[in-house]
């Protein structure tokens, strides 16, 4: 990514119009990626580039199982487990608002790759680029969050119910076998309005600009209202699609049943039984791709 392009792109805004207050300024290693990291949401990463293996082993310094030879002990964030992530679009432009992530789990594999699970902690705005090589370092200001209100609590309840319905309808439509904690994630009942608003936004990964807009939104009520609008339309779509699927399935079943009743005679039943008996030894073979 060219220096000129990067310096220009960090000033991009993707949504929020109000200028928030700032509370903390610091320097962070930034992991630019085509993923919108959000507070309260879990972000899995696979690290394979040498420079990032050095960074993440340095962040994990002191933990058992890291590659000690890659740790930069003089680094100011050695052992901190925290780094920043900013969304980068298809043209290489980096958004100016990102999230600080904290590593919660990791696993080194024999081929040198590092699997990381991290969780979003807070939002920040990039003020300036400090360095680009070997990794991107930026001076950032942490964004202050608004106070939670009764309106936000009410909206959070509505958004949680809509997401529940969306998940259940999607499971039904796709004929997916889902566990109870997938159908009813604990976050729906344990997170407060602000954290819930960010966590719900993580479900919109197919629309990155919408996610970035929600990340940059400074007002929890407005963020929840946008999510309510999106989820309301999604539930309507899934409900209609599910109704159509059920209708066509019923018609197909009735047609198939009617056809069998007309065509199958006593003689055909006997012949079918004989054929089934002769082919019983073949069994079923299933190839499973992993």
C-alpha atoms as a PDB file:
ATOM      1  CA  UNK A   1       0.000   0.000   0.000  1.00  0.00           C
ATOM      2  CA  UNK A   2       1.578   3.278  -1.098  1.00  0.00           C
ATOM      3  CA  UNK A   3       2.496   5.831   1.550  1.00  0.00           C
ATOM      4  CA  UNK A   4       0.655   8.632  -0.218  1.00  0.00           C
ATOM      5  CA  UNK A   5      -2.494   6.568  -0.595  1.00  0.00           C
ATOM      6  CA  UNK A   6      -2.475   5.473   3.023  1.00  0.00           C
ATOM      7  CA  UNK A   7      -2.020   8.979   4.411  1.00  0.00           C
ATOM      8  CA  UNK A   8      -4.859  10.192   2.251  1.00  0.00           C
ATOM      9  CA  UNK A   9      -7.221   7.307   3.057  1.00  0.00           C
ATOM     10  CA  UNK A  10      -7.025   7.518   6.845  1.00  0.00           C
ATOM     11  CA  UNK A  11      -9.061  10.707   6.656  1.00  0.00           C
ATOM     12  CA  UNK A  12     -12.043   8.955   5.071  1.00  0.00           C
ATOM     13  CA  UNK A  13     -15.376   9.020   6.908  1.00  0.00           C
ATOM     14  CA  UNK A  14     -17.998   6.354   6.293  1.00  0.00           C
ATOM     15  CA  UNK A  15     -21.034   7.530   8.144  1.00  0.00           C
ATOM     16  CA  UNK A  16     -21.195   9.460  11.404  1.00  0.00           C
ATOM     17  CA  UNK A  17     -21.777  13.178  11.042  1.00  0.00           C
ATOM     18  CA  UNK A  18     -21.341  14.257  14.677  1.00  0.00           C
ATOM     19  CA  UNK A  19     -17.842  14.855  15.997  1.00  0.00           C
ATOM     20  CA  UNK A  20     -17.362  12.745  19.152  1.00  0.00           C
ATOM     21  CA  UNK A  21     -15.232  13.618  22.153  1.00  0.00           C
ATOM     22  CA  UNK A  22     -11.892  11.882  22.636  1.00  0.00           C
ATOM     23  CA  UNK A  23     -10.432  10.541  25.878  1.00  0.00           C
ATOM     24  CA  UNK A  24      -7.188   8.668  25.152  1.00  0.00           C
ATOM     25  CA  UNK A  25      -4.461   9.091  22.537  1.00  0.00           C
ATOM     26  CA  UNK A  26      -1.914   6.318  21.936  1.00  0.00           C
ATOM     27  CA  UNK A  27       0.126   4.492  19.311  1.00  0.00           C
ATOM     28  CA  UNK A  28      -1.142   1.107  18.131  1.00  0.00           C
ATOM     29  CA  UNK A  29       0.047  -1.553  15.699  1.00  0.00           C
ATOM     30  CA  UNK A  30      -2.706  -1.700  13.078  1.00  0.00           C
ATOM     31  CA  UNK A  31      -3.775  -4.829  11.222  1.00  0.00           C
ATOM     32  CA  UNK A  32      -5.482  -3.559   8.030  1.00  0.00           C
ATOM     33  CA  UNK A  33      -7.902  -6.116   6.607  1.00  0.00           C
ATOM     34  CA  UNK A  34     -11.095  -6.401   4.558  1.00  0.00           C
ATOM     35  CA  UNK A  35     -12.966  -7.119   7.801  1.00  0.00           C
ATOM     36  CA  UNK A  36     -14.868  -4.666  10.006  1.00  0.00           C
ATOM     37  CA  UNK A  37     -13.919  -5.406  13.615  1.00  0.00           C
ATOM     38  CA  UNK A  38     -16.518  -4.308  16.146  1.00  0.00           C
ATOM     39  CA  UNK A  39     -16.528  -3.902  19.929  1.00  0.00           C
ATOM     40  CA  UNK A  40     -18.048  -6.896  21.768  1.00  0.00           C
ATOM     41  CA  UNK A  41     -17.689  -9.083  18.650  1.00  0.00           C
ATOM     42  CA  UNK A  42     -15.297 -12.002  18.210  1.00  0.00           C
ATOM     43  CA  UNK A  43     -12.803 -11.836  15.337  1.00  0.00           C
ATOM     44  CA  UNK A  44     -10.937 -14.996  14.245  1.00  0.00           C
ATOM     45  CA  UNK A  45      -7.694 -14.516  12.310  1.00  0.00           C
ATOM     46  CA  UNK A  46      -5.157 -16.734  10.581  1.00  0.00           C
ATOM     47  CA  UNK A  47      -1.661 -15.209  10.651  1.00  0.00           C
ATOM     48  CA  UNK A  48       0.935 -16.448   8.158  1.00  0.00           C
ATOM     49  CA  UNK A  49       3.020 -13.465   6.958  1.00  0.00           C
ATOM     50  CA  UNK A  50       6.403 -13.333   8.679  1.00  0.00           C
ATOM     51  CA  UNK A  51       6.043  -9.704   9.821  1.00  0.00           C
ATOM     52  CA  UNK A  52       2.668 -10.397  11.429  1.00  0.00           C
ATOM     53  CA  UNK A  53       3.899 -13.601  13.019  1.00  0.00           C
ATOM     54  CA  UNK A  54       6.541 -11.439  14.693  1.00  0.00           C
ATOM     55  CA  UNK A  55       3.896  -8.911  15.755  1.00  0.00           C
ATOM     56  CA  UNK A  56       1.446 -11.423  17.211  1.00  0.00           C
ATOM     57  CA  UNK A  57       4.064 -13.513  18.973  1.00  0.00           C
ATOM     58  CA  UNK A  58       5.316 -10.242  20.479  1.00  0.00           C
ATOM     59  CA  UNK A  59       1.793  -9.332  21.589  1.00  0.00           C
ATOM     60  CA  UNK A  60       1.510 -12.780  23.181  1.00  0.00           C
ATOM     61  CA  UNK A  61       4.862 -12.614  24.946  1.00  0.00           C
ATOM     62  CA  UNK A  62       4.731 -14.452  28.252  1.00  0.00           C
ATOM     63  CA  UNK A  63       2.145 -16.965  27.065  1.00  0.00           C
ATOM     64  CA  UNK A  64       2.971 -20.645  26.811  1.00  0.00           C
ATOM     65  CA  UNK A  65       3.258 -22.030  23.280  1.00  0.00           C
ATOM     66  CA  UNK A  66       4.454 -18.946  21.398  1.00  0.00           C
ATOM     67  CA  UNK A  67       7.536 -18.798  19.169  1.00  0.00           C
ATOM     68  CA  UNK A  68      10.000 -17.152  21.542  1.00  0.00           C
ATOM     69  CA  UNK A  69      12.468 -16.479  18.751  1.00  0.00           C
ATOM     70  CA  UNK A  70      10.001 -14.102  17.091  1.00  0.00           C
ATOM     71  CA  UNK A  71       9.284 -11.990  20.170  1.00  0.00           C
ATOM     72  CA  UNK A  72      10.592  -8.406  20.115  1.00  0.00           C
ATOM     73  CA  UNK A  73      11.126  -7.831  23.814  1.00  0.00           C
ATOM     74  CA  UNK A  74      11.907  -4.115  23.361  1.00  0.00           C
ATOM     75  CA  UNK A  75       8.519  -3.437  21.747  1.00  0.00           C
ATOM     76  CA  UNK A  76       6.249  -1.090  23.760  1.00  0.00           C
ATOM     77  CA  UNK A  77       3.293  -3.449  23.220  1.00  0.00           C
ATOM     78  CA  UNK A  78       5.208  -6.634  24.097  1.00  0.00           C
ATOM     79  CA  UNK A  79       2.811  -8.890  25.991  1.00  0.00           C
ATOM     80  CA  UNK A  80      -0.092  -6.433  25.742  1.00  0.00           C
ATOM     81  CA  UNK A  81      -2.306  -8.792  23.659  1.00  0.00           C
ATOM     82  CA  UNK A  82      -3.886  -5.686  22.100  1.00  0.00           C
ATOM     83  CA  UNK A  83      -3.781  -4.341  18.547  1.00  0.00           C
ATOM     84  CA  UNK A  84      -5.937  -2.249  16.244  1.00  0.00           C
ATOM     85  CA  UNK A  85      -7.843  -3.267  13.152  1.00  0.00           C
ATOM     86  CA  UNK A  86      -9.139  -1.017  10.376  1.00  0.00           C
ATOM     87  CA  UNK A  87     -11.273  -1.971   7.407  1.00  0.00           C
ATOM     88  CA  UNK A  88      -9.623  -1.749   3.966  1.00  0.00           C
ATOM     89  CA  UNK A  89     -11.806  -1.708   0.852  1.00  0.00           C
ATOM     90  CA  UNK A  90     -11.116  -3.320  -2.537  1.00  0.00           C
ATOM     91  CA  UNK A  91      -9.220  -0.241  -3.716  1.00  0.00           C
ATOM     92  CA  UNK A  92      -6.849  -0.302  -0.754  1.00  0.00           C
ATOM     93  CA  UNK A  93      -8.430   2.642   1.082  1.00  0.00           C
ATOM     94  CA  UNK A  94      -8.361   2.292   4.850  1.00  0.00           C
ATOM     95  CA  UNK A  95     -11.177   3.595   7.028  1.00  0.00           C
ATOM     96  CA  UNK A  96     -10.187   6.086   9.696  1.00  0.00           C
ATOM     97  CA  UNK A  97     -12.316   4.472  12.428  1.00  0.00           C
ATOM     98  CA  UNK A  98     -11.398   1.023  13.693  1.00  0.00           C
ATOM     99  CA  UNK A  99     -11.495  -1.118  16.822  1.00  0.00           C
ATOM    100  CA  UNK A 100      -8.974  -2.201  19.410  1.00  0.00           C
ATOM    101  CA  UNK A 101      -8.921  -5.987  19.735  1.00  0.00           C
ATOM    102  CA  UNK A 102      -7.649  -8.133  22.591  1.00  0.00           C
ATOM    103  CA  UNK A 103      -6.390 -11.648  21.940  1.00  0.00           C
ATOM    104  CA  UNK A 104      -8.328 -14.245  23.943  1.00  0.00           C
ATOM    105  CA  UNK A 105      -7.087 -17.511  22.397  1.00  0.00           C
ATOM    106  CA  UNK A 106      -4.330 -18.623  20.054  1.00  0.00           C
ATOM    107  CA  UNK A 107      -2.823 -21.751  18.551  1.00  0.00           C
ATOM    108  CA  UNK A 108       0.459 -22.275  16.708  1.00  0.00           C
ATOM    109  CA  UNK A 109       0.468 -24.994  14.062  1.00  0.00           C
ATOM    110  CA  UNK A 110       3.538 -26.873  12.748  1.00  0.00           C
ATOM    111  CA  UNK A 111       3.616 -25.082   9.393  1.00  0.00           C
ATOM    112  CA  UNK A 112       4.173 -21.738  11.131  1.00  0.00           C
ATOM    113  CA  UNK A 113       0.674 -20.343  10.919  1.00  0.00           C
ATOM    114  CA  UNK A 114      -0.881 -18.761  13.968  1.00  0.00           C
ATOM    115  CA  UNK A 115      -4.601 -18.930  14.654  1.00  0.00           C
ATOM    116  CA  UNK A 116      -5.883 -16.038  16.727  1.00  0.00           C
ATOM    117  CA  UNK A 117      -9.248 -15.384  18.381  1.00  0.00           C
ATOM    118  CA  UNK A 118      -9.706 -11.822  19.566  1.00  0.00           C
ATOM    119  CA  UNK A 119     -12.531  -9.683  20.891  1.00  0.00           C
ATOM    120  CA  UNK A 120     -13.379  -6.058  20.160  1.00  0.00           C
ATOM    121  CA  UNK A 121     -12.858  -3.688  23.097  1.00  0.00           C
ATOM    122  CA  UNK A 122     -13.193  -0.064  21.976  1.00  0.00           C
ATOM    123  CA  UNK A 123     -13.373   2.199  18.942  1.00  0.00           C
ATOM    124  CA  UNK A 124     -10.670   4.596  17.839  1.00  0.00           C
ATOM    125  CA  UNK A 125      -9.993   7.159  15.138  1.00  0.00           C
ATOM    126  CA  UNK A 126      -6.658   7.192  13.313  1.00  0.00           C
ATOM    127  CA  UNK A 127      -4.982  10.585  13.752  1.00  0.00           C
ATOM    128  CA  UNK A 128      -1.789   9.966  11.805  1.00  0.00           C
ATOM    129  CA  UNK A 129       0.422   7.243  10.416  1.00  0.00           C
ATOM    130  CA  UNK A 130       3.595   6.815  12.469  1.00  0.00           C
ATOM    131  CA  UNK A 131       5.208   4.060  10.372  1.00  0.00           C
ATOM    132  CA  UNK A 132       4.255   1.720   7.552  1.00  0.00           C
ATOM    133  CA  UNK A 133       7.030  -0.890   7.618  1.00  0.00           C
ATOM    134  CA  UNK A 134       7.502  -3.570   8.697  1.00  0.00           C
ATOM    135  CA  UNK A 135       3.985  -3.122  10.081  1.00  0.00           C
ATOM    136  CA  UNK A 136       1.554  -0.236  10.145  1.00  0.00           C
ATOM    137  CA  UNK A 137       1.760   1.923  13.273  1.00  0.00           C
ATOM    138  CA  UNK A 138      -0.746   4.706  13.860  1.00  0.00           C
ATOM    139  CA  UNK A 139      -1.446   7.317  16.458  1.00  0.00           C
ATOM    140  CA  UNK A 140      -5.085   6.929  17.428  1.00  0.00           C
ATOM    141  CA  UNK A 141      -7.626   8.548  19.711  1.00  0.00           C
ATOM    142  CA  UNK A 142     -10.096   6.312  21.496  1.00  0.00           C
ATOM    143  CA  UNK A 143     -13.686   7.379  20.873  1.00  0.00           C
ATOM    144  CA  UNK A 144     -15.924   8.171  23.805  1.00  0.00           C
ATOM    145  CA  UNK A 145     -19.222   6.294  23.986  1.00  0.00           C
ATOM    146  CA  UNK A 146     -22.576   7.877  24.775  1.00  0.00           C
ATOM    147  CA  UNK A 147     -24.642   7.217  27.879  1.00  0.00           C
ATOM    148  CA  UNK A 148     -27.241   4.449  27.726  1.00  0.00           C
ATOM    149  CA  UNK A 149     -30.877   5.571  27.902  1.00  0.00           C
ATOM    150  CA  UNK A 150     -34.279   3.956  28.432  1.00  0.00           C
ATOM    151  CA  UNK A 151     -34.956   4.401  24.722  1.00  0.00           C
ATOM    152  CA  UNK A 152     -31.777   2.481  23.946  1.00  0.00           C
ATOM    153  CA  UNK A 153     -32.811  -0.327  26.302  1.00  0.00           C
ATOM    154  CA  UNK A 154     -36.217  -0.628  24.649  1.00  0.00           C
ATOM    155  CA  UNK A 155     -34.715  -0.640  21.173  1.00  0.00           C
ATOM    156  CA  UNK A 156     -32.137  -3.228  22.239  1.00  0.00           C
ATOM    157  CA  UNK A 157     -34.947  -5.573  23.323  1.00  0.00           C
ATOM    158  CA  UNK A 158     -36.679  -5.154  19.954  1.00  0.00           C
ATOM    159  CA  UNK A 159     -33.448  -5.689  17.990  1.00  0.00           C
ATOM    160  CA  UNK A 160     -32.613  -8.813  20.026  1.00  0.00           C
ATOM    161  CA  UNK A 161     -36.070 -10.287  19.269  1.00  0.00           C
ATOM    162  CA  UNK A 162     -35.699  -9.500  15.570  1.00  0.00           C
ATOM    163  CA  UNK A 163     -32.297 -11.173  15.425  1.00  0.00           C
ATOM    164  CA  UNK A 164     -33.717 -14.250  17.191  1.00  0.00           C
ATOM    165  CA  UNK A 165     -36.450 -14.462  14.555  1.00  0.00           C
ATOM    166  CA  UNK A 166     -33.930 -13.954  11.757  1.00  0.00           C
ATOM    167  CA  UNK A 167     -31.726 -16.784  13.026  1.00  0.00           C
ATOM    168  CA  UNK A 168     -34.663 -19.181  13.459  1.00  0.00           C
ATOM    169  CA  UNK A 169     -36.101 -18.417  10.030  1.00  0.00           C
ATOM    170  CA  UNK A 170     -32.691 -18.817   8.405  1.00  0.00           C
ATOM    171  CA  UNK A 171     -32.198 -22.187  10.114  1.00  0.00           C
ATOM    172  CA  UNK A 172     -35.642 -23.284   8.887  1.00  0.00           C
ATOM    173  CA  UNK A 173     -35.064 -22.047   5.334  1.00  0.00           C
ATOM    174  CA  UNK A 174     -31.654 -23.667   4.979  1.00  0.00           C
ATOM    175  CA  UNK A 175     -32.614 -26.887   6.808  1.00  0.00           C
ATOM    176  CA  UNK A 176     -29.638 -26.358   9.098  1.00  0.00           C
ATOM    177  CA  UNK A 177     -29.038 -28.427  12.203  1.00  0.00           C
ATOM    178  CA  UNK A 178     -28.242 -25.790  14.818  1.00  0.00           C
ATOM    179  CA  UNK A 179     -27.396 -26.091  18.487  1.00  0.00           C
ATOM    180  CA  UNK A 180     -29.405 -24.265  21.127  1.00  0.00           C
ATOM    181  CA  UNK A 181     -26.622 -21.734  21.738  1.00  0.00           C
ATOM    182  CA  UNK A 182     -26.544 -20.957  18.018  1.00  0.00           C
ATOM    183  CA  UNK A 183     -30.282 -20.357  17.850  1.00  0.00           C
ATOM    184  CA  UNK A 184     -30.283 -18.428  21.121  1.00  0.00           C
ATOM    185  CA  UNK A 185     -26.822 -16.845  21.584  1.00  0.00           C
ATOM    186  CA  UNK A 186     -26.215 -15.781  25.175  1.00  0.00           C
ATOM    187  CA  UNK A 187     -25.193 -12.303  24.012  1.00  0.00           C
ATOM    188  CA  UNK A 188     -28.836 -11.550  23.216  1.00  0.00           C
ATOM    189  CA  UNK A 189     -29.682 -11.610  26.911  1.00  0.00           C
ATOM    190  CA  UNK A 190     -26.389 -10.630  28.562  1.00  0.00           C
ATOM    191  CA  UNK A 191     -25.121  -7.599  26.625  1.00  0.00           C
ATOM    192  CA  UNK A 192     -26.193  -4.051  27.376  1.00  0.00           C
ATOM    193  CA  UNK A 193     -27.708  -1.861  24.623  1.00  0.00           C
ATOM    194  CA  UNK A 194     -24.398  -0.380  23.406  1.00  0.00           C
ATOM    195  CA  UNK A 195     -22.474  -3.651  23.340  1.00  0.00           C
ATOM    196  CA  UNK A 196     -25.461  -5.424  21.782  1.00  0.00           C
ATOM    197  CA  UNK A 197     -25.658  -2.838  19.007  1.00  0.00           C
ATOM    198  CA  UNK A 198     -22.041  -3.543  18.031  1.00  0.00           C
ATOM    199  CA  UNK A 199     -22.413  -7.303  18.392  1.00  0.00           C
ATOM    200  CA  UNK A 200     -25.523  -7.374  16.181  1.00  0.00           C
ATOM    201  CA  UNK A 201     -23.625  -5.385  13.535  1.00  0.00           C
ATOM    202  CA  UNK A 202     -21.152  -8.284  13.287  1.00  0.00           C
ATOM    203  CA  UNK A 203     -23.946 -10.323  11.634  1.00  0.00           C
ATOM    204  CA  UNK A 204     -23.965  -7.962   8.631  1.00  0.00           C
ATOM    205  CA  UNK A 205     -20.591  -9.128   7.300  1.00  0.00           C
ATOM    206  CA  UNK A 206     -21.915  -9.351   3.730  1.00  0.00           C
ATOM    207  CA  UNK A 207     -22.368  -5.574   3.693  1.00  0.00           C
ATOM    208  CA  UNK A 208     -19.064  -4.137   4.880  1.00  0.00           C
ATOM    209  CA  UNK A 209     -19.982  -0.489   4.313  1.00  0.00           C
ATOM    210  CA  UNK A 210     -23.078  -0.918   6.471  1.00  0.00           C
ATOM    211  CA  UNK A 211     -20.929  -2.447   9.207  1.00  0.00           C
ATOM    212  CA  UNK A 212     -18.456   0.423   8.956  1.00  0.00           C
ATOM    213  CA  UNK A 213     -21.297   2.928   9.094  1.00  0.00           C
ATOM    214  CA  UNK A 214     -22.628   1.275  12.263  1.00  0.00           C
ATOM    215  CA  UNK A 215     -19.142   1.255  13.774  1.00  0.00           C
ATOM    216  CA  UNK A 216     -18.755   4.982  13.159  1.00  0.00           C
ATOM    217  CA  UNK A 217     -22.229   5.871  14.421  1.00  0.00           C
ATOM    218  CA  UNK A 218     -21.745   7.846  17.656  1.00  0.00           C
ATOM    219  CA  UNK A 219     -25.278   7.397  19.009  1.00  0.00           C
ATOM    220  CA  UNK A 220     -26.417   4.001  20.340  1.00  0.00           C
ATOM    221  CA  UNK A 221     -30.106   4.719  19.685  1.00  0.00           C
ATOM    222  CA  UNK A 222     -29.446   5.605  16.042  1.00  0.00           C
ATOM    223  CA  UNK A 223     -27.251   2.525  15.623  1.00  0.00           C
ATOM    224  CA  UNK A 224     -29.961   0.270  17.059  1.00  0.00           C
ATOM    225  CA  UNK A 225     -32.639   1.942  14.934  1.00  0.00           C
ATOM    226  CA  UNK A 226     -30.646   1.247  11.756  1.00  0.00           C
ATOM    227  CA  UNK A 227     -30.271  -2.378  12.801  1.00  0.00           C
ATOM    228  CA  UNK A 228     -33.965  -2.619  13.604  1.00  0.00           C
ATOM    229  CA  UNK A 229     -34.823  -1.367  10.110  1.00  0.00           C
ATOM    230  CA  UNK A 230     -32.480  -3.867   8.449  1.00  0.00           C
ATOM    231  CA  UNK A 231     -33.633  -6.823  10.554  1.00  0.00           C
ATOM    232  CA  UNK A 232     -37.321  -5.973  10.109  1.00  0.00           C
ATOM    233  CA  UNK A 233     -36.923  -6.209   6.333  1.00  0.00           C
ATOM    234  CA  UNK A 234     -34.863  -9.382   6.700  1.00  0.00           C
ATOM    235  CA  UNK A 235     -37.558 -11.061   8.813  1.00  0.00           C
ATOM    236  CA  UNK A 236     -40.208 -10.067   6.270  1.00  0.00           C
ATOM    237  CA  UNK A 237     -38.148 -11.565   3.460  1.00  0.00           C
ATOM    238  CA  UNK A 238     -37.440 -14.817   5.290  1.00  0.00           C
ATOM    239  CA  UNK A 239     -41.077 -15.131   6.397  1.00  0.00           C
ATOM    240  CA  UNK A 240     -42.328 -14.721   2.839  1.00  0.00           C
ATOM    241  CA  UNK A 241     -39.687 -17.071   1.425  1.00  0.00           C
ATOM    242  CA  UNK A 242     -40.469 -19.673   4.094  1.00  0.00           C
ATOM    243  CA  UNK A 243     -44.198 -19.462   3.336  1.00  0.00           C
ATOM    244  CA  UNK A 244     -43.569 -19.935  -0.393  1.00  0.00           C
ATOM    245  CA  UNK A 245     -41.237 -22.855   0.248  1.00  0.00           C
ATOM    246  CA  UNK A 246     -43.833 -24.541   2.454  1.00  0.00           C
ATOM    247  CA  UNK A 247     -46.565 -23.959  -0.126  1.00  0.00           C
ATOM    248  CA  UNK A 248     -44.546 -25.452  -2.989  1.00  0.00           C
ATOM    249  CA  UNK A 249     -43.421 -28.380  -0.827  1.00  0.00           C
ATOM    250  CA  UNK A 250     -47.037 -29.170   0.019  1.00  0.00           C
ATOM    251  CA  UNK A 251     -48.073 -28.995  -3.631  1.00  0.00           C
ATOM    252  CA  UNK A 252     -45.170 -31.258  -4.679  1.00  0.00           C
ATOM    253  CA  UNK A 253     -46.003 -33.767  -1.960  1.00  0.00           C
ATOM    254  CA  UNK A 254     -49.675 -33.854  -2.952  1.00  0.00           C
ATOM    255  CA  UNK A 255     -48.779 -34.261  -6.616  1.00  0.00           C
ATOM    256  CA  UNK A 256     -46.375 -37.087  -5.859  1.00  0.00           C
ATOM    257  CA  UNK A 257     -48.912 -38.854  -3.643  1.00  0.00           C
ATOM    258  CA  UNK A 258     -51.648 -38.540  -6.230  1.00  0.00           C
ATOM    259  CA  UNK A 259     -49.379 -39.885  -8.967  1.00  0.00           C
ATOM    260  CA  UNK A 260     -48.450 -42.946  -6.904  1.00  0.00           C
ATOM    261  CA  UNK A 261     -52.061 -43.765  -6.085  1.00  0.00           C
ATOM    262  CA  UNK A 262     -53.052 -43.705  -9.746  1.00  0.00           C
ATOM    263  CA  UNK A 263     -50.114 -45.623 -11.230  1.00  0.00           C
ATOM    264  CA  UNK A 264     -49.156 -48.222  -8.673  1.00  0.00           C
ATOM    265  CA  UNK A 265     -51.098 -51.499  -9.052  1.00  0.00           C
ATOM    266  CA  UNK A 266     -50.859 -54.657  -6.972  1.00  0.00           C
ATOM    267  CA  UNK A 267     -48.581 -56.234  -9.574  1.00  0.00           C
ATOM    268  CA  UNK A 268     -46.240 -53.225  -9.568  1.00  0.00           C
ATOM    269  CA  UNK A 269     -46.003 -53.332  -5.780  1.00  0.00           C
ATOM    270  CA  UNK A 270     -44.949 -56.985  -5.888  1.00  0.00           C
ATOM    271  CA  UNK A 271     -42.342 -56.268  -8.563  1.00  0.00           C
ATOM    272  CA  UNK A 272     -41.005 -53.329  -6.606  1.00  0.00           C
ATOM    273  CA  UNK A 273     -40.669 -55.434  -3.472  1.00  0.00           C
ATOM    274  CA  UNK A 274     -38.694 -58.070  -5.387  1.00  0.00           C
ATOM    275  CA  UNK A 275     -36.355 -55.447  -6.843  1.00  0.00           C
ATOM    276  CA  UNK A 276     -35.729 -53.917  -3.435  1.00  0.00           C
ATOM    277  CA  UNK A 277     -34.904 -57.325  -1.964  1.00  0.00           C
ATOM    278  CA  UNK A 278     -32.383 -58.039  -4.705  1.00  0.00           C
ATOM    279  CA  UNK A 279     -30.570 -54.726  -4.270  1.00  0.00           C
ATOM    280  CA  UNK A 280     -30.355 -54.695  -0.520  1.00  0.00           C
ATOM    281  CA  UNK A 281     -26.721 -55.865  -0.395  1.00  0.00           C
ATOM    282  CA  UNK A 282     -25.343 -52.811  -2.219  1.00  0.00           C
ATOM    283  CA  UNK A 283     -25.632 -50.408   0.717  1.00  0.00           C
ATOM    284  CA  UNK A 284     -24.984 -46.655   0.648  1.00  0.00           C
ATOM    285  CA  UNK A 285     -21.592 -44.984   0.219  1.00  0.00           C
ATOM    286  CA  UNK A 286     -21.080 -41.368   1.027  1.00  0.00           C
ATOM    287  CA  UNK A 287     -17.989 -39.315   0.163  1.00  0.00           C
ATOM    288  CA  UNK A 288     -17.374 -36.525   2.622  1.00  0.00           C
ATOM    289  CA  UNK A 289     -15.202 -33.574   1.649  1.00  0.00           C
ATOM    290  CA  UNK A 290     -13.393 -31.832   4.465  1.00  0.00           C
END
